[in-house]
Amino acid sequence: LRGRRVLALVMQALVGDLEGRELVGEGADVVLLGGADETPEANLVFSYMNLARAFAELELGAELYCLHRNRWWQTERGPLLDSGCYVAGLEYAAQTEATVLGKPSPAYFDAACRALDAEPAMTWMVGDDLETDVLGARGVGMRAVLVRTGKFRPDEVEASRIQPDGIVSSIAQLPDWLAGNP
């Protein structure tokens, strides 16, 4: 994040990752959105007042960043809205574009490869989301395996132009699958 003063609309578990930044309610250099969860505090994060405050900061010149653009996430109760819909709303209202810090940003996958000292073409990404996991990995030349857990939906795979290199039912099956698909 370029600015040091951050209006952070993120789940509580992520606040510690912002160490070294000044978290503010106004006068922000950066508006950061990310993460949704089912805690009572999360209901307040994306409240009308917080989103209106974020919009006001963007109108005053703050830059918009997001951790991801996920439209929804899987819970025990089924799919729930994720922060990507709020990112899209703020982009529309403030006529700006968010900088994506996490998936599916190429910088995210490049950083993962660098951290592992891995060549993207020789690296496999395993995930449950076609848009953020598979598309993001493919964007930097990684190969991708979709796992039938979490967000996996067979009908979405059939209808999508994004296709993984393979699909496994469980990550436990990955070693055997890779052995047959080098």
C-alpha atoms as a PDB file:
ATOM      1  CA  LEU A   1       0.000   0.000   0.000  1.00  0.00           C
ATOM      2  CA  ARG A   2       1.434   3.329  -1.012  1.00  0.00           C
ATOM      3  CA  GLY A   3      -0.201   5.415   1.702  1.00  0.00           C
ATOM      4  CA  ARG A   4       0.361   5.130   5.402  1.00  0.00           C
ATOM      5  CA  ARG A   5      -3.132   6.275   6.454  1.00  0.00           C
ATOM      6  CA  VAL A   6      -5.551   3.429   5.732  1.00  0.00           C
ATOM      7  CA  LEU A   7      -9.312   3.176   5.998  1.00  0.00           C
ATOM      8  CA  ALA A   8      -9.457  -0.596   6.368  1.00  0.00           C
ATOM      9  CA  LEU A   9     -12.750  -2.372   5.736  1.00  0.00           C
ATOM     10  CA  VAL A  10     -11.426  -5.834   6.458  1.00  0.00           C
ATOM     11  CA  MET A  11     -12.302  -8.714   8.731  1.00  0.00           C
ATOM     12  CA  GLN A  12     -10.866  -8.395  12.242  1.00  0.00           C
ATOM     13  CA  ALA A  13      -8.447 -11.290  11.734  1.00  0.00           C
ATOM     14  CA  LEU A  14      -6.601  -9.233   9.093  1.00  0.00           C
ATOM     15  CA  VAL A  15      -6.046  -6.066  11.130  1.00  0.00           C
ATOM     16  CA  GLY A  16      -2.765  -7.388  12.584  1.00  0.00           C
ATOM     17  CA  ASP A  17      -1.374  -7.687   9.054  1.00  0.00           C
ATOM     18  CA  LEU A  18      -1.639  -3.906   8.709  1.00  0.00           C
ATOM     19  CA  GLU A  19       1.014  -3.239  11.339  1.00  0.00           C
ATOM     20  CA  GLY A  20       2.977  -0.126  10.490  1.00  0.00           C
ATOM     21  CA  ARG A  21      -0.014   1.557   8.884  1.00  0.00           C
ATOM     22  CA  GLU A  22      -2.105   4.183  10.602  1.00  0.00           C
ATOM     23  CA  LEU A  23      -5.710   2.968  10.608  1.00  0.00           C
ATOM     24  CA  VAL A  24      -8.043   5.943  10.250  1.00  0.00           C
ATOM     25  CA  GLY A  25     -11.726   6.709   9.875  1.00  0.00           C
ATOM     26  CA  GLU A  26     -11.122   9.769   7.703  1.00  0.00           C
ATOM     27  CA  GLY A  27      -8.252  11.515   5.972  1.00  0.00           C
ATOM     28  CA  ALA A  28      -7.123   8.256   4.372  1.00  0.00           C
ATOM     29  CA  ASP A  29      -4.510   7.860   1.648  1.00  0.00           C
ATOM     30  CA  VAL A  30      -5.832   4.382   0.931  1.00  0.00           C
ATOM     31  CA  VAL A  31      -9.154   2.576   1.227  1.00  0.00           C
ATOM     32  CA  LEU A  32      -8.616  -1.167   1.656  1.00  0.00           C
ATOM     33  CA  LEU A  33     -11.388  -3.761   1.321  1.00  0.00           C
ATOM     34  CA  GLY A  34     -11.086  -7.449   1.896  1.00  0.00           C
ATOM     35  CA  GLY A  35     -12.383 -10.541   3.507  1.00  0.00           C
ATOM     36  CA  ALA A  36     -15.791 -11.441   4.748  1.00  0.00           C
ATOM     37  CA  ASP A  37     -16.639 -13.672   7.629  1.00  0.00           C
ATOM     38  CA  GLU A  38     -19.584 -14.633   9.781  1.00  0.00           C
ATOM     39  CA  THR A  39     -18.535 -12.982  13.038  1.00  0.00           C
ATOM     40  CA  PRO A  40     -20.867 -10.349  14.526  1.00  0.00           C
ATOM     41  CA  GLU A  41     -18.181  -7.705  13.908  1.00  0.00           C
ATOM     42  CA  ALA A  42     -18.182  -8.500  10.190  1.00  0.00           C
ATOM     43  CA  ASN A  43     -21.751  -7.250   9.909  1.00  0.00           C
ATOM     44  CA  LEU A  44     -20.409  -3.793  10.701  1.00  0.00           C
ATOM     45  CA  VAL A  45     -17.475  -3.827   8.281  1.00  0.00           C
ATOM     46  CA  PHE A  46     -19.578  -3.493   5.140  1.00  0.00           C
ATOM     47  CA  SER A  47     -22.317  -1.341   6.644  1.00  0.00           C
ATOM     48  CA  TYR A  48     -23.812   1.509   4.648  1.00  0.00           C
ATOM     49  CA  MET A  49     -22.012   4.049   6.851  1.00  0.00           C
ATOM     50  CA  ASN A  50     -18.609   2.418   6.308  1.00  0.00           C
ATOM     51  CA  LEU A  51     -19.127   2.109   2.565  1.00  0.00           C
ATOM     52  CA  ALA A  52     -20.317   5.727   2.388  1.00  0.00           C
ATOM     53  CA  ARG A  53     -17.211   6.784   4.329  1.00  0.00           C
ATOM     54  CA  ALA A  54     -15.016   4.801   1.929  1.00  0.00           C
ATOM     55  CA  PHE A  55     -16.722   6.482  -1.027  1.00  0.00           C
ATOM     56  CA  ALA A  56     -16.143   9.915   0.524  1.00  0.00           C
ATOM     57  CA  GLU A  57     -12.436   9.131   1.012  1.00  0.00           C
ATOM     58  CA  LEU A  58     -12.142   7.986  -2.599  1.00  0.00           C
ATOM     59  CA  GLU A  59     -13.817  11.197  -3.755  1.00  0.00           C
ATOM     60  CA  LEU A  60     -11.211  13.129  -1.733  1.00  0.00           C
ATOM     61  CA  GLY A  61      -8.369  11.354  -3.534  1.00  0.00           C
ATOM     62  CA  ALA A  62      -7.684   8.145  -1.612  1.00  0.00           C
ATOM     63  CA  GLU A  63      -6.642   5.131  -3.692  1.00  0.00           C
ATOM     64  CA  LEU A  64      -8.753   1.953  -3.671  1.00  0.00           C
ATOM     65  CA  TYR A  65      -7.095  -1.384  -2.889  1.00  0.00           C
ATOM     66  CA  CYS A  66      -8.648  -4.782  -2.301  1.00  0.00           C
ATOM     67  CA  LEU A  67      -7.355  -8.110  -1.099  1.00  0.00           C
ATOM     68  CA  HIS A  68      -9.388  -9.946  -3.737  1.00  0.00           C
ATOM     69  CA  ARG A  69     -12.460  -9.576  -5.945  1.00  0.00           C
ATOM     70  CA  ASN A  70     -14.356 -12.695  -4.853  1.00  0.00           C
ATOM     71  CA  ARG A  71     -18.067 -12.384  -5.543  1.00  0.00           C
ATOM     72  CA  TRP A  72     -19.021 -14.975  -2.932  1.00  0.00           C
ATOM     73  CA  TRP A  73     -17.564 -17.464  -0.499  1.00  0.00           C
ATOM     74  CA  GLN A  74     -18.727 -20.842   0.726  1.00  0.00           C
ATOM     75  CA  THR A  75     -20.019 -21.258   4.278  1.00  0.00           C
ATOM     76  CA  GLU A  76     -21.735 -24.028   6.181  1.00  0.00           C
ATOM     77  CA  ARG A  77     -25.019 -22.259   5.391  1.00  0.00           C
ATOM     78  CA  GLY A  78     -24.194 -22.021   1.696  1.00  0.00           C
ATOM     79  CA  PRO A  79     -22.793 -19.229  -0.477  1.00  0.00           C
ATOM     80  CA  LEU A  80     -22.629 -15.724   1.013  1.00  0.00           C
ATOM     81  CA  LEU A  81     -21.605 -12.407  -0.517  1.00  0.00           C
ATOM     82  CA  ASP A  82     -17.902 -11.639  -0.360  1.00  0.00           C
ATOM     83  CA  SER A  83     -16.165  -8.278  -0.477  1.00  0.00           C
ATOM     84  CA  GLY A  84     -15.794  -8.260  -4.273  1.00  0.00           C
ATOM     85  CA  CYS A  85     -19.334  -6.954  -4.694  1.00  0.00           C
ATOM     86  CA  TYR A  86     -18.510  -3.999  -2.434  1.00  0.00           C
ATOM     87  CA  VAL A  87     -15.291  -3.376  -4.365  1.00  0.00           C
ATOM     88  CA  ALA A  88     -17.285  -3.286  -7.613  1.00  0.00           C
ATOM     89  CA  GLY A  89     -19.812  -0.900  -6.067  1.00  0.00           C
ATOM     90  CA  LEU A  90     -17.131   1.512  -4.887  1.00  0.00           C
ATOM     91  CA  GLU A  91     -15.346   1.326  -8.248  1.00  0.00           C
ATOM     92  CA  TYR A  92     -18.602   2.210  -9.974  1.00  0.00           C
ATOM     93  CA  ALA A  93     -19.586   4.993  -7.584  1.00  0.00           C
ATOM     94  CA  ALA A  94     -16.144   6.622  -7.403  1.00  0.00           C
ATOM     95  CA  GLN A  95     -15.293   5.940 -11.060  1.00  0.00           C
ATOM     96  CA  THR A  96     -12.004   4.339 -10.131  1.00  0.00           C
ATOM     97  CA  GLU A  97     -10.372   0.936 -10.375  1.00  0.00           C
ATOM     98  CA  ALA A  98      -9.137  -1.021  -7.380  1.00  0.00           C
ATOM     99  CA  THR A  99      -5.629  -2.394  -7.223  1.00  0.00           C
ATOM    100  CA  VAL A 100      -5.965  -6.098  -6.399  1.00  0.00           C
ATOM    101  CA  LEU A 101      -3.340  -7.260  -3.908  1.00  0.00           C
ATOM    102  CA  GLY A 102      -4.372 -10.928  -3.732  1.00  0.00           C
ATOM    103  CA  LYS A 103      -5.874 -13.508  -6.056  1.00  0.00           C
ATOM    104  CA  PRO A 104      -6.240 -13.384  -9.065  1.00  0.00           C
ATOM    105  CA  SER A 105      -3.599 -10.648  -9.398  1.00  0.00           C
ATOM    106  CA  PRO A 106      -0.490 -11.763 -11.309  1.00  0.00           C
ATOM    107  CA  ALA A 107       1.647 -10.046  -8.664  1.00  0.00           C
ATOM    108  CA  TYR A 108       0.173 -12.369  -6.026  1.00  0.00           C
ATOM    109  CA  PHE A 109       1.040 -15.542  -7.941  1.00  0.00           C
ATOM    110  CA  ASP A 110       4.462 -14.164  -8.974  1.00  0.00           C
ATOM    111  CA  ALA A 111       5.215 -13.421  -5.306  1.00  0.00           C
ATOM    112  CA  ALA A 112       4.212 -16.961  -4.334  1.00  0.00           C
ATOM    113  CA  CYS A 113       6.560 -18.418  -6.949  1.00  0.00           C
ATOM    114  CA  ARG A 114       9.402 -16.127  -5.855  1.00  0.00           C
ATOM    115  CA  ALA A 115       8.846 -17.051  -2.191  1.00  0.00           C
ATOM    116  CA  LEU A 116       9.093 -20.725  -3.135  1.00  0.00           C
ATOM    117  CA  ASP A 117      11.937 -20.136  -5.610  1.00  0.00           C
ATOM    118  CA  ALA A 118       9.710 -21.890  -8.143  1.00  0.00           C
ATOM    119  CA  GLU A 119       9.495 -21.523 -11.900  1.00  0.00           C
ATOM    120  CA  PRO A 120       5.822 -20.776 -12.759  1.00  0.00           C
ATOM    121  CA  ALA A 121       5.754 -23.232 -15.674  1.00  0.00           C
ATOM    122  CA  MET A 122       6.913 -25.996 -13.313  1.00  0.00           C
ATOM    123  CA  THR A 123       4.507 -25.050 -10.504  1.00  0.00           C
ATOM    124  CA  TRP A 124       1.038 -26.392  -9.813  1.00  0.00           C
ATOM    125  CA  MET A 125      -1.670 -24.361  -8.101  1.00  0.00           C
ATOM    126  CA  VAL A 126      -4.451 -26.280  -6.355  1.00  0.00           C
ATOM    127  CA  GLY A 127      -7.670 -24.445  -5.568  1.00  0.00           C
ATOM    128  CA  ASP A 128     -11.446 -24.566  -5.578  1.00  0.00           C
ATOM    129  CA  ASP A 129     -12.267 -21.404  -7.548  1.00  0.00           C
ATOM    130  CA  LEU A 130     -12.075 -21.077 -11.339  1.00  0.00           C
ATOM    131  CA  GLU A 131     -11.983 -17.278 -11.372  1.00  0.00           C
ATOM    132  CA  THR A 132      -9.471 -16.503  -8.644  1.00  0.00           C
ATOM    133  CA  ASP A 133      -7.394 -19.666  -8.364  1.00  0.00           C
ATOM    134  CA  VAL A 134      -7.253 -21.213 -11.837  1.00  0.00           C
ATOM    135  CA  LEU A 135      -7.436 -18.015 -13.890  1.00  0.00           C
ATOM    136  CA  GLY A 136      -4.939 -16.264 -11.619  1.00  0.00           C
ATOM    137  CA  ALA A 137      -2.432 -19.108 -11.775  1.00  0.00           C
ATOM    138  CA  ARG A 138      -2.805 -19.409 -15.531  1.00  0.00           C
ATOM    139  CA  GLY A 139      -2.118 -15.677 -15.830  1.00  0.00           C
ATOM    140  CA  VAL A 140       1.494 -16.229 -14.781  1.00  0.00           C
ATOM    141  CA  GLY A 141       1.992 -19.537 -16.580  1.00  0.00           C
ATOM    142  CA  MET A 142       1.294 -21.918 -13.709  1.00  0.00           C
ATOM    143  CA  ARG A 143      -0.625 -25.137 -14.165  1.00  0.00           C
ATOM    144  CA  ALA A 144      -3.822 -25.594 -12.183  1.00  0.00           C
ATOM    145  CA  VAL A 145      -5.780 -28.386 -10.519  1.00  0.00           C
ATOM    146  CA  LEU A 146      -9.291 -27.743  -9.290  1.00  0.00           C
ATOM    147  CA  VAL A 147     -10.389 -29.559  -6.146  1.00  0.00           C
ATOM    148  CA  ARG A 148     -14.039 -30.533  -5.598  1.00  0.00           C
ATOM    149  CA  THR A 149     -14.387 -28.753  -2.258  1.00  0.00           C
ATOM    150  CA  GLY A 150     -15.475 -25.313  -1.086  1.00  0.00           C
ATOM    151  CA  LYS A 151     -16.566 -23.207  -4.051  1.00  0.00           C
ATOM    152  CA  PHE A 152     -16.335 -25.980  -6.649  1.00  0.00           C
ATOM    153  CA  ARG A 153     -19.472 -26.213  -8.800  1.00  0.00           C
ATOM    154  CA  PRO A 154     -19.543 -28.832 -11.625  1.00  0.00           C
ATOM    155  CA  ASP A 155     -21.964 -26.772 -13.715  1.00  0.00           C
ATOM    156  CA  GLU A 156     -19.616 -23.762 -13.580  1.00  0.00           C
ATOM    157  CA  VAL A 157     -16.715 -25.874 -14.807  1.00  0.00           C
ATOM    158  CA  GLU A 158     -18.789 -27.168 -17.720  1.00  0.00           C
ATOM    159  CA  ALA A 159     -19.958 -23.682 -18.705  1.00  0.00           C
ATOM    160  CA  SER A 160     -16.659 -21.847 -18.216  1.00  0.00           C
ATOM    161  CA  ARG A 161     -14.032 -20.983 -20.798  1.00  0.00           C
ATOM    162  CA  ILE A 162     -11.541 -21.297 -17.900  1.00  0.00           C
ATOM    163  CA  GLN A 163     -10.498 -24.929 -17.628  1.00  0.00           C
ATOM    164  CA  PRO A 164      -8.081 -26.452 -15.123  1.00  0.00           C
ATOM    165  CA  ASP A 165      -5.432 -28.988 -16.122  1.00  0.00           C
ATOM    166  CA  GLY A 166      -7.218 -31.463 -13.887  1.00  0.00           C
ATOM    167  CA  ILE A 167      -9.865 -31.967 -11.234  1.00  0.00           C
ATOM    168  CA  VAL A 168      -9.507 -34.048  -8.071  1.00  0.00           C
ATOM    169  CA  SER A 169     -12.074 -34.824  -5.391  1.00  0.00           C
ATOM    170  CA  SER A 170      -9.652 -34.272  -2.533  1.00  0.00           C
ATOM    171  CA  ILE A 171      -6.192 -32.843  -2.118  1.00  0.00           C
ATOM    172  CA  ALA A 172      -5.261 -36.290  -0.795  1.00  0.00           C
ATOM    173  CA  GLN A 173      -5.675 -37.531  -4.388  1.00  0.00           C
ATOM    174  CA  LEU A 174      -3.249 -34.961  -5.768  1.00  0.00           C
ATOM    175  CA  PRO A 175      -0.007 -37.021  -5.523  1.00  0.00           C
ATOM    176  CA  ASP A 176      -1.537 -39.923  -7.456  1.00  0.00           C
ATOM    177  CA  TRP A 177      -3.077 -37.561  -9.996  1.00  0.00           C
ATOM    178  CA  LEU A 178       0.237 -35.741 -10.509  1.00  0.00           C
ATOM    179  CA  ALA A 179       2.077 -39.061 -10.892  1.00  0.00           C
ATOM    180  CA  GLY A 180      -0.166 -39.832 -13.853  1.00  0.00           C
ATOM    181  CA  ASN A 181      -0.071 -36.276 -15.271  1.00  0.00           C
ATOM    182  CA  PRO A 182       3.475 -34.924 -15.067  1.00  0.00           C
END
